[in-house]
N, C-alpha and C. Protein backbone atom coordinates (compact mmCIF):
# COMPACT_ATOMS: atom_id res chain seq x y z
N UNK A 1 -120.20 214.89 320.38
CA UNK A 1 -119.29 213.83 320.19
C UNK A 1 -119.98 212.48 320.11
N UNK A 2 -121.06 212.32 320.91
CA UNK A 2 -121.77 211.02 320.89
C UNK A 2 -122.38 210.78 319.52
N UNK A 3 -123.07 211.80 318.85
CA UNK A 3 -123.60 211.53 317.51
C UNK A 3 -122.56 211.10 316.52
N UNK A 4 -121.36 211.66 316.62
CA UNK A 4 -120.24 211.32 315.69
C UNK A 4 -119.82 209.90 315.95
N UNK A 5 -119.75 209.46 317.16
CA UNK A 5 -119.42 208.09 317.53
C UNK A 5 -120.49 207.10 317.01
N UNK A 6 -121.74 207.48 317.17
CA UNK A 6 -122.89 206.67 316.66
C UNK A 6 -122.79 206.53 315.14
N UNK A 7 -122.59 207.67 314.49
CA UNK A 7 -122.46 207.67 313.04
C UNK A 7 -121.27 206.83 312.59
N UNK A 8 -120.15 206.94 313.21
CA UNK A 8 -118.96 206.14 312.85
C UNK A 8 -119.28 204.65 313.02
N UNK A 9 -119.91 204.32 314.10
CA UNK A 9 -120.30 202.89 314.35
C UNK A 9 -121.26 202.39 313.29
N UNK A 10 -122.23 203.19 312.92
CA UNK A 10 -123.18 202.81 311.90
C UNK A 10 -122.51 202.65 310.53
N UNK A 11 -121.61 203.54 310.16
CA UNK A 11 -120.99 203.44 308.87
C UNK A 11 -120.05 202.20 308.83
N UNK A 12 -119.33 202.00 309.94
CA UNK A 12 -118.45 200.79 310.03
C UNK A 12 -119.30 199.52 309.93
N UNK A 13 -120.41 199.48 310.60
CA UNK A 13 -121.31 198.37 310.52
C UNK A 13 -121.84 198.17 309.10
N UNK A 14 -122.14 199.23 308.43
CA UNK A 14 -122.65 199.17 307.04
C UNK A 14 -121.60 198.55 306.11
N UNK A 15 -120.34 198.94 306.27
CA UNK A 15 -119.30 198.41 305.43
C UNK A 15 -119.07 196.90 305.75
N UNK A 16 -119.16 196.55 306.99
CA UNK A 16 -118.98 195.11 307.37
C UNK A 16 -120.14 194.31 306.79
N UNK A 17 -121.33 194.86 306.86
CA UNK A 17 -122.53 194.08 306.36
C UNK A 17 -122.44 193.96 304.83
N UNK A 18 -121.98 195.00 304.17
CA UNK A 18 -121.89 194.97 302.67
C UNK A 18 -120.88 193.96 302.25
N UNK A 19 -119.83 193.79 303.03
CA UNK A 19 -118.76 192.87 302.68
C UNK A 19 -119.04 191.39 302.97
N UNK A 20 -119.97 191.14 303.84
CA UNK A 20 -120.29 189.74 304.23
C UNK A 20 -121.07 189.07 303.13
N UNK A 21 -120.93 187.79 303.05
CA UNK A 21 -121.72 187.00 302.11
C UNK A 21 -123.13 186.70 302.72
N UNK A 22 -124.04 186.46 301.86
CA UNK A 22 -125.38 186.13 302.29
C UNK A 22 -126.19 187.33 302.60
N UNK A 23 -127.11 187.25 303.52
CA UNK A 23 -128.00 188.32 303.84
C UNK A 23 -127.35 189.29 304.83
N UNK A 24 -127.24 190.53 304.42
CA UNK A 24 -126.66 191.57 305.31
C UNK A 24 -127.62 191.83 306.45
N UNK A 25 -128.94 191.68 306.22
CA UNK A 25 -129.91 191.90 307.26
C UNK A 25 -129.71 190.90 308.41
N UNK A 26 -129.50 189.60 308.06
CA UNK A 26 -129.27 188.62 309.11
C UNK A 26 -128.01 188.85 309.88
N UNK A 27 -127.00 189.30 309.20
CA UNK A 27 -125.69 189.62 309.84
C UNK A 27 -125.88 190.80 310.77
N UNK A 28 -126.65 191.82 310.30
CA UNK A 28 -126.91 192.98 311.09
C UNK A 28 -127.74 192.63 312.37
N UNK A 29 -128.67 191.72 312.22
CA UNK A 29 -129.48 191.25 313.30
C UNK A 29 -128.59 190.57 314.38
N UNK A 30 -127.64 189.76 313.93
CA UNK A 30 -126.75 189.07 314.83
C UNK A 30 -125.82 190.07 315.55
N UNK A 31 -125.33 191.12 314.78
CA UNK A 31 -124.50 192.14 315.40
C UNK A 31 -125.26 192.92 316.43
N UNK A 32 -126.50 193.36 316.06
CA UNK A 32 -127.32 194.13 317.00
C UNK A 32 -127.55 193.35 318.26
N UNK A 33 -127.87 192.03 318.18
CA UNK A 33 -128.12 191.20 319.31
C UNK A 33 -126.89 191.09 320.20
N UNK A 34 -125.72 190.92 319.56
CA UNK A 34 -124.45 190.85 320.36
C UNK A 34 -124.15 192.13 321.11
N UNK A 35 -124.41 193.24 320.47
CA UNK A 35 -124.18 194.56 321.09
C UNK A 35 -125.16 194.73 322.28
N UNK A 36 -126.44 194.47 321.99
CA UNK A 36 -127.46 194.62 323.03
C UNK A 36 -127.17 193.74 324.26
N UNK A 37 -126.83 192.49 323.97
CA UNK A 37 -126.53 191.61 325.08
C UNK A 37 -125.31 192.03 325.88
N UNK A 38 -124.30 192.58 325.22
CA UNK A 38 -123.10 193.06 325.89
C UNK A 38 -123.42 194.28 326.77
N UNK A 39 -124.26 195.20 326.17
CA UNK A 39 -124.50 196.45 326.88
C UNK A 39 -125.55 196.34 327.98
N UNK A 40 -126.58 195.58 327.70
CA UNK A 40 -127.72 195.51 328.63
C UNK A 40 -127.93 194.20 329.33
N UNK A 41 -127.33 193.17 328.79
CA UNK A 41 -127.48 191.84 329.26
C UNK A 41 -128.74 191.13 328.76
N UNK A 42 -129.52 191.86 327.95
CA UNK A 42 -130.73 191.31 327.33
C UNK A 42 -130.68 191.46 325.81
N UNK A 43 -131.52 190.68 325.16
CA UNK A 43 -131.61 190.78 323.69
C UNK A 43 -132.93 191.42 323.35
N UNK A 44 -132.85 192.57 322.65
CA UNK A 44 -134.08 193.28 322.24
C UNK A 44 -134.45 192.77 320.85
N UNK A 45 -135.67 192.28 320.70
CA UNK A 45 -136.10 191.63 319.44
C UNK A 45 -136.55 192.65 318.44
N UNK A 46 -136.61 193.97 318.75
CA UNK A 46 -136.95 194.98 317.78
C UNK A 46 -135.86 195.16 316.72
N UNK A 47 -136.15 195.63 315.53
CA UNK A 47 -135.14 195.90 314.56
C UNK A 47 -134.14 196.97 315.09
N UNK A 48 -132.88 196.64 315.02
CA UNK A 48 -131.83 197.61 315.41
C UNK A 48 -131.24 198.26 314.21
N UNK A 49 -130.33 199.23 314.50
CA UNK A 49 -129.69 200.05 313.46
C UNK A 49 -129.03 199.19 312.42
N UNK A 50 -128.23 198.24 312.86
CA UNK A 50 -127.48 197.42 311.89
C UNK A 50 -128.35 196.48 311.10
N UNK A 51 -129.42 195.99 311.70
CA UNK A 51 -130.39 195.15 310.98
C UNK A 51 -131.08 195.95 309.86
N UNK A 52 -131.49 197.16 310.24
CA UNK A 52 -132.14 198.04 309.26
C UNK A 52 -131.19 198.40 308.11
N UNK A 53 -129.95 198.66 308.47
CA UNK A 53 -128.96 198.98 307.47
C UNK A 53 -128.73 197.77 306.60
N UNK A 54 -128.64 196.57 307.13
CA UNK A 54 -128.47 195.37 306.33
C UNK A 54 -129.65 195.14 305.46
N UNK A 55 -130.87 195.45 305.92
CA UNK A 55 -132.04 195.27 305.04
C UNK A 55 -131.97 196.22 303.85
N UNK A 56 -131.53 197.47 304.11
CA UNK A 56 -131.37 198.40 302.99
C UNK A 56 -130.29 197.91 302.00
N UNK A 57 -129.22 197.40 302.53
CA UNK A 57 -128.18 196.86 301.66
C UNK A 57 -128.67 195.69 300.81
N UNK A 58 -129.42 194.80 301.46
CA UNK A 58 -130.04 193.68 300.69
C UNK A 58 -130.92 194.18 299.61
N UNK A 59 -131.77 195.18 299.90
CA UNK A 59 -132.61 195.71 298.88
C UNK A 59 -131.88 196.30 297.69
N UNK A 60 -130.81 197.06 298.01
CA UNK A 60 -130.00 197.69 296.95
C UNK A 60 -129.26 196.61 296.12
N UNK A 61 -128.74 195.58 296.78
CA UNK A 61 -127.92 194.61 296.05
C UNK A 61 -128.75 193.47 295.50
N UNK A 62 -130.06 193.40 295.82
CA UNK A 62 -130.94 192.37 295.29
C UNK A 62 -130.81 191.05 296.02
N UNK A 63 -130.21 191.03 297.22
CA UNK A 63 -130.14 189.77 297.96
C UNK A 63 -131.43 189.56 298.68
N UNK A 64 -131.82 188.31 298.77
CA UNK A 64 -133.08 187.99 299.42
C UNK A 64 -132.83 187.46 300.86
N UNK A 65 -133.74 187.71 301.74
CA UNK A 65 -133.59 187.24 303.13
C UNK A 65 -133.96 185.75 303.12
N UNK A 66 -133.07 184.89 303.58
CA UNK A 66 -133.35 183.42 303.49
C UNK A 66 -134.30 182.95 304.59
N UNK A 67 -134.59 183.80 305.57
CA UNK A 67 -135.48 183.42 306.68
C UNK A 67 -136.92 183.81 306.31
N UNK A 68 -137.79 182.83 306.06
CA UNK A 68 -139.14 183.16 305.58
C UNK A 68 -139.97 183.94 306.61
N UNK A 69 -139.78 183.67 307.89
CA UNK A 69 -140.50 184.45 308.92
C UNK A 69 -140.09 185.88 308.92
N UNK A 70 -138.73 186.10 308.90
CA UNK A 70 -138.23 187.46 308.90
C UNK A 70 -138.59 188.17 307.65
N UNK A 71 -138.51 187.46 306.51
CA UNK A 71 -138.92 188.12 305.23
C UNK A 71 -140.39 188.52 305.20
N UNK A 72 -141.24 187.69 305.86
CA UNK A 72 -142.65 188.03 305.91
C UNK A 72 -142.84 189.26 306.82
N UNK A 73 -142.12 189.36 307.90
CA UNK A 73 -142.16 190.51 308.77
C UNK A 73 -141.73 191.79 308.00
N UNK A 74 -140.69 191.63 307.21
CA UNK A 74 -140.23 192.79 306.43
C UNK A 74 -141.35 193.24 305.44
N UNK A 75 -141.99 192.28 304.80
CA UNK A 75 -143.08 192.60 303.86
C UNK A 75 -144.20 193.30 304.54
N UNK A 76 -144.54 192.88 305.76
CA UNK A 76 -145.61 193.52 306.53
C UNK A 76 -145.21 194.95 306.86
N UNK A 77 -143.95 195.13 307.31
CA UNK A 77 -143.46 196.48 307.61
C UNK A 77 -143.51 197.37 306.38
N UNK A 78 -143.10 196.87 305.21
CA UNK A 78 -143.13 197.67 304.01
C UNK A 78 -144.55 198.02 303.60
N UNK A 79 -145.49 197.07 303.76
CA UNK A 79 -146.90 197.38 303.44
C UNK A 79 -147.45 198.38 304.36
N UNK A 80 -147.11 198.37 305.63
CA UNK A 80 -147.57 199.36 306.60
C UNK A 80 -147.00 200.72 306.29
N UNK A 81 -145.79 200.77 305.82
CA UNK A 81 -145.12 202.06 305.44
C UNK A 81 -145.77 202.69 304.24
N UNK A 82 -146.23 201.78 303.30
CA UNK A 82 -146.85 202.28 302.05
C UNK A 82 -148.33 202.52 302.15
N UNK A 83 -148.98 202.14 303.25
CA UNK A 83 -150.41 202.29 303.43
C UNK A 83 -150.78 203.79 303.56
N UNK A 84 -151.85 204.21 302.89
CA UNK A 84 -152.30 205.58 303.07
C UNK A 84 -152.76 205.86 304.52
N UNK A 85 -152.56 207.10 304.99
CA UNK A 85 -152.86 207.42 306.37
C UNK A 85 -154.30 207.78 306.52
């Protein structure tokens, strides 16, 4: 039941992110932070599920991340993913 609940939340988040204006990644980051703060009382700075979903939506739709530091971090992550092992 828990995986179904997680999947439902992820899909709902993806639809919300796709419908918002601007960067879906930034909106996902805000939503992840709000959820983390509510559940744990702390904000985890790692990429969360909704932030990663928003980044994928931005890539598909051609939206650019307006935050240069975050965009640079994304580029580093992509380069690390593409690097030969």
